Amino acid sequence: MTEHYEVPEIFHTERYEVRRVRSSDADGIFHSYASDSDVTRFLTWRPATSPDQTRANIEVSRADWDAGKRFASVITPKNSSSEIMGMIDARVSAGSRTVTSCSAVLGGVAA
């Protein structure tokens, strides 16, 4: 059986923490950038209208992570994991979800 591709649920740089998005991040994401029409202007989705809408999107992202399809991660300052600065999202291409053969499309947003 071929292993599915995985990414780490959390990693750090000198200044930032990048970690798997959590349901509890909904309010922070909504207020930081998801409801801001200037930030979302060139994205594939429109501004969120409520934290509950953001929370529902997070749950889809988490299910996709578990299925190995998509890996949505929030970016926070290293010493303040509740201060959401943005998100990166790696979407693994269909048919290439194995350890030996993987391609992905990366996207991101920052406020």
Protein backbone atom coordinates (compact mmCIF):
# COMPACT_ATOMS: atom_id res chain seq x y z
CA MET A 1 0.00 0.00 0.00
CA THR A 2 1.33 3.44 -0.90
CA GLU A 3 1.61 5.99 1.90
CA HIS A 4 -0.27 9.26 1.54
CA TYR A 5 1.68 12.48 1.56
CA GLU A 6 1.63 14.35 4.88
CA VAL A 7 2.91 17.68 6.09
CA PRO A 8 3.87 18.55 9.67
CA GLU A 9 1.01 19.88 11.77
CA ILE A 10 3.30 22.56 13.17
CA PHE A 11 6.69 24.06 12.39
CA HIS A 12 8.60 27.16 13.42
CA THR A 13 10.84 29.68 11.78
CA GLU A 14 12.91 32.20 13.67
CA ARG A 15 9.90 34.55 13.98
CA TYR A 16 6.78 32.57 13.09
CA GLU A 17 4.75 29.50 13.95
CA VAL A 18 2.94 27.76 11.10
CA ARG A 19 0.38 25.23 12.29
CA ARG A 20 -2.67 23.30 11.19
CA VAL A 21 -5.78 25.45 11.35
CA ARG A 22 -8.05 24.79 14.36
CA SER A 23 -11.78 25.38 14.83
CA SER A 24 -10.87 27.76 17.65
CA ASP A 25 -9.09 29.98 15.08
CA ALA A 26 -12.39 31.06 13.47
CA ASP A 27 -12.82 34.35 15.34
CA GLY A 28 -9.18 35.33 14.84
CA ILE A 29 -9.26 34.52 11.12
CA PHE A 30 -12.57 36.31 10.63
CA HIS A 31 -11.42 39.50 12.35
CA SER A 32 -7.86 39.43 10.99
CA TYR A 33 -8.57 39.05 7.27
CA ALA A 34 -11.46 36.80 6.20
CA SER A 35 -14.07 39.56 6.50
CA ASP A 36 -11.89 42.26 4.92
CA SER A 37 -12.82 42.96 1.29
CA ASP A 38 -9.44 44.61 0.64
CA VAL A 39 -7.57 41.50 1.76
CA THR A 40 -9.84 39.04 -0.06
CA ARG A 41 -10.14 41.13 -3.23
CA PHE A 42 -7.93 38.91 -5.40
CA LEU A 43 -8.72 35.58 -3.76
CA THR A 44 -11.02 32.88 -5.12
CA TRP A 45 -13.49 33.42 -2.28
CA ARG A 46 -15.50 36.43 -1.13
CA PRO A 47 -15.26 38.00 2.35
CA ALA A 48 -16.79 35.96 5.13
CA THR A 49 -19.96 37.36 6.67
CA SER A 50 -19.63 35.77 10.13
CA PRO A 51 -17.25 33.80 12.34
CA ASP A 52 -19.62 30.83 11.94
CA GLN A 53 -19.10 30.89 8.18
CA THR A 54 -15.34 30.97 8.77
CA ARG A 55 -15.67 28.07 11.25
CA ALA A 56 -17.57 26.00 8.67
CA ASN A 57 -14.80 26.61 6.12
CA ILE A 58 -12.22 25.54 8.71
CA GLU A 59 -14.07 22.26 9.26
CA VAL A 60 -13.93 21.55 5.51
CA SER A 61 -10.21 22.35 5.55
CA ARG A 62 -9.65 20.01 8.50
CA ALA A 63 -11.53 17.17 6.78
CA ASP A 64 -9.48 17.74 3.62
CA TRP A 65 -6.28 17.60 5.72
CA ASP A 66 -7.34 14.26 7.20
CA ALA A 67 -8.05 12.96 3.68
CA GLY A 68 -4.64 14.13 2.47
CA LYS A 69 -6.14 16.53 -0.11
CA ARG A 70 -5.35 19.94 1.30
CA PHE A 71 -3.22 21.31 4.12
CA ALA A 72 -4.44 24.66 5.49
CA SER A 73 -2.11 26.23 8.05
CA VAL A 74 -2.30 29.52 9.91
CA ILE A 75 0.67 31.80 10.39
CA THR A 76 1.17 33.41 13.80
CA PRO A 77 4.00 35.22 15.58
CA LYS A 78 6.16 32.57 17.26
CA ASN A 79 5.25 33.70 20.78
CA SER A 80 1.55 34.42 20.19
CA SER A 81 -0.23 31.49 18.55
CA SER A 82 -3.64 33.15 18.94
CA GLU A 83 -2.70 36.19 16.81
CA ILE A 84 -3.56 35.05 13.28
CA MET A 85 -1.53 36.88 10.63
CA GLY A 86 -2.48 34.81 7.62
CA MET A 87 -2.79 31.36 6.15
CA ILE A 88 -1.08 29.14 3.62
CA ASP A 89 -2.87 26.33 1.86
CA ALA A 90 -1.26 23.47 -0.06
CA ARG A 91 -3.71 21.60 -2.30
CA VAL A 92 -2.36 18.29 -3.44
CA SER A 93 -3.14 17.54 -7.07
CA ALA A 94 -5.48 14.63 -7.73
CA GLY A 95 -3.61 11.51 -8.77
CA SER A 96 -0.41 12.62 -7.04
CA ARG A 97 -1.19 11.98 -3.40
CA THR A 98 1.59 9.55 -2.62
CA VAL A 99 4.95 9.97 -0.94
CA THR A 100 6.80 9.07 -4.15
CA SER A 101 4.75 11.27 -6.49
CA CYS A 102 3.27 14.52 -5.24
CA SER A 103 2.52 17.90 -6.73
CA ALA A 104 0.65 20.71 -5.04
CA VAL A 105 -0.73 24.18 -5.62
CA LEU A 106 0.17 26.70 -2.92
CA GLY A 107 -1.93 29.69 -1.99
CA GLY A 108 -1.84 32.17 0.80
CA VAL A 109 -3.27 35.26 2.40
CA ALA A 110 -1.81 37.72 4.88
CA ALA A 111 -3.19 40.78 6.58
